[in-house]
Amino acid sequence: MIRRRVHKRPLHSVPVAGSPPARGSRGRLVRAGIDWYQLVRARIERYQLVSARIER
């Protein structure tokens, strides 16, 4: 797993390496952050589904 050094302030704490909002201009961060947030949530939901299936 890739661990990154924490920047000055965490951007709404997205624990995913190489997230689009993490790098790039500030203006793009606001627009991309919304799409990225949805993408991360979908990934988390999928992960929870998989982990639940493994537990069973």
PDB file of N, CA and C in Angstrom:
ATOM      1  N   MET A   1       0.845  -1.192   0.000  1.00  0.00           N
ATOM      2  CA  MET A   1       0.000   0.000   0.000  1.00  0.00           C
ATOM      3  C   MET A   1       0.882   1.245   0.000  1.00  0.00           C
ATOM      4  N   ILE A   2       0.482   2.237  -0.758  1.00  0.00           N
ATOM      5  CA  ILE A   2       1.296   3.445  -0.868  1.00  0.00           C
ATOM      6  C   ILE A   2       0.859   4.448   0.199  1.00  0.00           C
ATOM      7  N   ARG A   3       1.806   4.862   1.024  1.00  0.00           N
ATOM      8  CA  ARG A   3       1.515   5.875   2.038  1.00  0.00           C
ATOM      9  C   ARG A   3       2.139   7.189   1.608  1.00  0.00           C
ATOM     10  N   ARG A   4       1.385   8.260   1.757  1.00  0.00           N
ATOM     11  CA  ARG A   4       1.913   9.565   1.380  1.00  0.00           C
ATOM     12  C   ARG A   4       2.154  10.404   2.613  1.00  0.00           C
ATOM     13  N   ARG A   5       3.117  11.331   2.507  1.00  0.00           N
ATOM     14  CA  ARG A   5       3.303  12.269   3.599  1.00  0.00           C
ATOM     15  C   ARG A   5       2.108  13.216   3.630  1.00  0.00           C
ATOM     16  N   VAL A   6       1.611  13.508   4.805  1.00  0.00           N
ATOM     17  CA  VAL A   6       0.438  14.368   4.929  1.00  0.00           C
ATOM     18  C   VAL A   6       0.823  15.798   4.601  1.00  0.00           C
ATOM     19  N   HIS A   7      -0.001  16.454   3.788  1.00  0.00           N
ATOM     20  CA  HIS A   7       0.278  17.839   3.418  1.00  0.00           C
ATOM     21  C   HIS A   7      -0.062  18.762   4.580  1.00  0.00           C
ATOM     22  N   LYS A   8       0.125  20.080   4.347  1.00  0.00           N
ATOM     23  CA  LYS A   8      -0.116  21.046   5.401  1.00  0.00           C
ATOM     24  C   LYS A   8      -1.485  20.841   6.032  1.00  0.00           C
ATOM     25  N   ARG A   9      -2.505  20.748   5.182  1.00  0.00           N
ATOM     26  CA  ARG A   9      -3.858  20.499   5.703  1.00  0.00           C
ATOM     27  C   ARG A   9      -4.502  19.435   4.816  1.00  0.00           C
ATOM     28  N   PRO A  10      -5.136  18.427   5.412  1.00  0.00           N
ATOM     29  CA  PRO A  10      -5.753  17.364   4.628  1.00  0.00           C
ATOM     30  C   PRO A  10      -6.984  17.887   3.875  1.00  0.00           C
ATOM     31  N   LEU A  11      -7.055  17.609   2.578  1.00  0.00           N
ATOM     32  CA  LEU A  11      -8.199  18.058   1.784  1.00  0.00           C
ATOM     33  C   LEU A  11      -9.362  17.118   2.033  1.00  0.00           C
ATOM     34  N   HIS A  12     -10.328  17.568   2.791  1.00  0.00           N
ATOM     35  CA  HIS A  12     -11.492  16.759   3.155  1.00  0.00           C
ATOM     36  C   HIS A  12     -11.153  15.269   3.283  1.00  0.00           C
ATOM     37  N   SER A  13      -9.922  15.014   3.735  1.00  0.00           N
ATOM     38  CA  SER A  13      -9.455  13.671   4.101  1.00  0.00           C
ATOM     39  C   SER A  13      -9.951  12.564   3.184  1.00  0.00           C
ATOM     40  N   VAL A  14      -9.381  12.486   1.989  1.00  0.00           N
ATOM     41  CA  VAL A  14      -9.691  11.364   1.106  1.00  0.00           C
ATOM     42  C   VAL A  14      -8.509  10.399   1.160  1.00  0.00           C
ATOM     43  N   PRO A  15      -8.651   9.258   1.825  1.00  0.00           N
ATOM     44  CA  PRO A  15      -7.504   8.362   2.004  1.00  0.00           C
ATOM     45  C   PRO A  15      -7.218   7.512   0.774  1.00  0.00           C
ATOM     46  N   VAL A  16      -7.082   8.154  -0.381  1.00  0.00           N
ATOM     47  CA  VAL A  16      -6.800   7.410  -1.605  1.00  0.00           C
ATOM     48  C   VAL A  16      -5.566   8.021  -2.259  1.00  0.00           C
ATOM     49  N   ALA A  17      -4.602   7.200  -2.619  1.00  0.00           N
ATOM     50  CA  ALA A  17      -3.367   7.714  -3.195  1.00  0.00           C
ATOM     51  C   ALA A  17      -3.627   8.255  -4.600  1.00  0.00           C
ATOM     52  N   GLY A  18      -3.048   9.407  -4.900  1.00  0.00           N
ATOM     53  CA  GLY A  18      -3.169   9.981  -6.237  1.00  0.00           C
ATOM     54  C   GLY A  18      -4.562  10.479  -6.549  1.00  0.00           C
ATOM     55  N   SER A  19      -5.262  11.028  -5.555  1.00  0.00           N
ATOM     56  CA  SER A  19      -6.596  11.554  -5.812  1.00  0.00           C
ATOM     57  C   SER A  19      -6.493  12.851  -6.611  1.00  0.00           C
ATOM     58  N   PRO A  20      -7.333  13.039  -7.628  1.00  0.00           N
ATOM     59  CA  PRO A  20      -7.271  14.242  -8.461  1.00  0.00           C
ATOM     60  C   PRO A  20      -7.283  15.549  -7.674  1.00  0.00           C
ATOM     61  N   PRO A  21      -8.144  15.708  -6.645  1.00  0.00           N
ATOM     62  CA  PRO A  21      -8.159  16.972  -5.929  1.00  0.00           C
ATOM     63  C   PRO A  21      -6.852  17.244  -5.180  1.00  0.00           C
ATOM     64  N   ALA A  22      -6.102  16.190  -4.857  1.00  0.00           N
ATOM     65  CA  ALA A  22      -4.889  16.372  -4.062  1.00  0.00           C
ATOM     66  C   ALA A  22      -3.886  17.233  -4.815  1.00  0.00           C
ATOM     67  N   ARG A  23      -3.733  16.997  -6.106  1.00  0.00           N
ATOM     68  CA  ARG A  23      -2.802  17.824  -6.875  1.00  0.00           C
ATOM     69  C   ARG A  23      -3.568  18.613  -7.938  1.00  0.00           C
ATOM     70  N   GLY A  24      -2.932  19.653  -8.463  1.00  0.00           N
ATOM     71  CA  GLY A  24      -3.602  20.475  -9.469  1.00  0.00           C
ATOM     72  C   GLY A  24      -3.992  21.822  -8.901  1.00  0.00           C
ATOM     73  N   SER A  25      -4.614  22.644  -9.734  1.00  0.00           N
ATOM     74  CA  SER A  25      -4.955  23.998  -9.320  1.00  0.00           C
ATOM     75  C   SER A  25      -6.107  23.984  -8.316  1.00  0.00           C
ATOM     76  N   ARG A  26      -6.295  25.108  -7.643  1.00  0.00           N
ATOM     77  CA  ARG A  26      -7.314  25.203  -6.602  1.00  0.00           C
ATOM     78  C   ARG A  26      -8.706  25.230  -7.214  1.00  0.00           C
ATOM     79  N   GLY A  27      -8.849  25.904  -8.365  1.00  0.00           N
ATOM     80  CA  GLY A  27     -10.167  26.012  -8.992  1.00  0.00           C
ATOM     81  C   GLY A  27     -10.687  24.654  -9.432  1.00  0.00           C
ATOM     82  N   ARG A  28      -9.781  23.817  -9.976  1.00  0.00           N
ATOM     83  CA  ARG A  28     -10.200  22.502 -10.441  1.00  0.00           C
ATOM     84  C   ARG A  28     -10.565  21.618  -9.251  1.00  0.00           C
ATOM     85  N   LEU A  29      -9.934  21.887  -8.099  1.00  0.00           N
ATOM     86  CA  LEU A  29     -10.166  21.071  -6.913  1.00  0.00           C
ATOM     87  C   LEU A  29     -11.639  21.090  -6.525  1.00  0.00           C
ATOM     88  N   VAL A  30     -12.257  22.266  -6.594  1.00  0.00           N
ATOM     89  CA  VAL A  30     -13.656  22.373  -6.167  1.00  0.00           C
ATOM     90  C   VAL A  30     -14.553  21.551  -7.092  1.00  0.00           C
ATOM     91  N   ARG A  31     -14.348  21.698  -8.405  1.00  0.00           N
ATOM     92  CA  ARG A  31     -15.205  20.965  -9.351  1.00  0.00           C
ATOM     93  C   ARG A  31     -14.912  19.472  -9.293  1.00  0.00           C
ATOM     94  N   ALA A  32     -13.627  19.116  -9.325  1.00  0.00           N
ATOM     95  CA  ALA A  32     -13.260  17.701  -9.360  1.00  0.00           C
ATOM     96  C   ALA A  32     -13.573  17.027  -8.021  1.00  0.00           C
ATOM     97  N   GLY A  33     -13.521  17.803  -6.947  1.00  0.00           N
ATOM     98  CA  GLY A  33     -13.759  17.233  -5.624  1.00  0.00           C
ATOM     99  C   GLY A  33     -15.124  16.582  -5.517  1.00  0.00           C
ATOM    100  N   ILE A  34     -16.134  17.188  -6.144  1.00  0.00           N
ATOM    101  CA  ILE A  34     -17.493  16.641  -6.065  1.00  0.00           C
ATOM    102  C   ILE A  34     -17.553  15.289  -6.782  1.00  0.00           C
ATOM    103  N   ASP A  35     -17.030  15.257  -8.014  1.00  0.00           N
ATOM    104  CA  ASP A  35     -17.035  13.989  -8.752  1.00  0.00           C
ATOM    105  C   ASP A  35     -16.211  12.952  -8.004  1.00  0.00           C
ATOM    106  N   TRP A  36     -15.052  13.391  -7.500  1.00  0.00           N
ATOM    107  CA  TRP A  36     -14.155  12.469  -6.805  1.00  0.00           C
ATOM    108  C   TRP A  36     -14.816  11.924  -5.546  1.00  0.00           C
ATOM    109  N   TYR A  37     -15.579  12.796  -4.849  1.00  0.00           N
ATOM    110  CA  TYR A  37     -16.261  12.368  -3.625  1.00  0.00           C
ATOM    111  C   TYR A  37     -17.242  11.249  -3.941  1.00  0.00           C
ATOM    112  N   GLN A  38     -18.022  11.436  -5.019  1.00  0.00           N
ATOM    113  CA  GLN A  38     -18.981  10.400  -5.410  1.00  0.00           C
ATOM    114  C   GLN A  38     -18.247   9.114  -5.783  1.00  0.00           C
ATOM    115  N   LEU A  39     -17.141   9.262  -6.497  1.00  0.00           N
ATOM    116  CA  LEU A  39     -16.369   8.094  -6.921  1.00  0.00           C
ATOM    117  C   LEU A  39     -15.853   7.331  -5.695  1.00  0.00           C
ATOM    118  N   VAL A  40     -15.339   8.069  -4.733  1.00  0.00           N
ATOM    119  CA  VAL A  40     -14.802   7.435  -3.520  1.00  0.00           C
ATOM    120  C   VAL A  40     -15.916   6.736  -2.756  1.00  0.00           C
ATOM    121  N   ARG A  41     -17.077   7.401  -2.644  1.00  0.00           N
ATOM    122  CA  ARG A  41     -18.196   6.790  -1.919  1.00  0.00           C
ATOM    123  C   ARG A  41     -18.623   5.493  -2.580  1.00  0.00           C
ATOM    124  N   ALA A  42     -18.681   5.498  -3.918  1.00  0.00           N
ATOM    125  CA  ALA A  42     -19.062   4.282  -4.633  1.00  0.00           C
ATOM    126  C   ALA A  42     -18.038   3.179  -4.349  1.00  0.00           C
ATOM    127  N   ARG A  43     -16.763   3.564  -4.331  1.00  0.00           N
ATOM    128  CA  ARG A  43     -15.706   2.566  -4.076  1.00  0.00           C
ATOM    129  C   ARG A  43     -15.829   2.007  -2.663  1.00  0.00           C
ATOM    130  N   ILE A  44     -16.144   2.887  -1.705  1.00  0.00           N
ATOM    131  CA  ILE A  44     -16.286   2.436  -0.321  1.00  0.00           C
ATOM    132  C   ILE A  44     -17.469   1.480  -0.203  1.00  0.00           C
ATOM    133  N   GLU A  45     -18.594   1.831  -0.846  1.00  0.00           N
ATOM    134  CA  GLU A  45     -19.773   0.965  -0.789  1.00  0.00           C
ATOM    135  C   GLU A  45     -19.452  -0.396  -1.374  1.00  0.00           C
ATOM    136  N   ARG A  46     -18.751  -0.407  -2.506  1.00  0.00           N
ATOM    137  CA  ARG A  46     -18.397  -1.675  -3.138  1.00  0.00           C
ATOM    138  C   ARG A  46     -17.495  -2.484  -2.207  1.00  0.00           C
ATOM    139  N   TYR A  47     -16.552  -1.785  -1.562  1.00  0.00           N
ATOM    140  CA  TYR A  47     -15.638  -2.473  -0.654  1.00  0.00           C
ATOM    141  C   TYR A  47     -16.408  -3.090   0.514  1.00  0.00           C
ATOM    142  N   GLN A  48     -17.379  -2.335   1.044  1.00  0.00           N
ATOM    143  CA  GLN A  48     -18.178  -2.856   2.155  1.00  0.00           C
ATOM    144  C   GLN A  48     -18.972  -4.076   1.714  1.00  0.00           C
ATOM    145  N   LEU A  49     -19.514  -4.029   0.499  1.00  0.00           N
ATOM    146  CA  LEU A  49     -20.259  -5.177  -0.014  1.00  0.00           C
ATOM    147  C   LEU A  49     -19.356  -6.399  -0.089  1.00  0.00           C
ATOM    148  N   VAL A  50     -18.166  -6.207  -0.646  1.00  0.00           N
ATOM    149  CA  VAL A  50     -17.229  -7.330  -0.796  1.00  0.00           C
ATOM    150  C   VAL A  50     -16.836  -7.878   0.571  1.00  0.00           C
ATOM    151  N   SER A  51     -16.511  -6.977   1.508  1.00  0.00           N
ATOM    152  CA  SER A  51     -16.082  -7.435   2.835  1.00  0.00           C
ATOM    153  C   SER A  51     -17.229  -8.175   3.537  1.00  0.00           C
ATOM    154  N   ALA A  52     -18.453  -7.690   3.360  1.00  0.00           N
ATOM    155  CA  ALA A  52     -19.602  -8.357   3.977  1.00  0.00           C
ATOM    156  C   ALA A  52     -19.768  -9.756   3.390  1.00  0.00           C
ATOM    157  N   ARG A  53     -19.550  -9.870   2.097  1.00  0.00           N
ATOM    158  CA  ARG A  53     -19.686 -11.166   1.444  1.00  0.00           C
ATOM    159  C   ARG A  53     -18.610 -12.131   1.954  1.00  0.00           C
ATOM    160  N   ILE A  54     -17.414 -11.588   2.206  1.00  0.00           N
ATOM    161  CA  ILE A  54     -16.322 -12.441   2.696  1.00  0.00           C
ATOM    162  C   ILE A  54     -16.650 -12.937   4.105  1.00  0.00           C
ATOM    163  N   GLU A  55     -17.194 -12.047   4.919  1.00  0.00           N
ATOM    164  CA  GLU A  55     -17.505 -12.427   6.307  1.00  0.00           C
ATOM    165  C   GLU A  55     -18.508 -13.574   6.342  1.00  0.00           C
ATOM    166  N   ARG A  56     -19.477 -13.556   5.433  1.00  0.00           N
ATOM    167  CA  ARG A  56     -20.507 -14.577   5.451  1.00  0.00           C
ATOM    168  C   ARG A  56     -19.924 -15.939   5.128  1.00  0.00           C
TER     169      ARG A  56
END
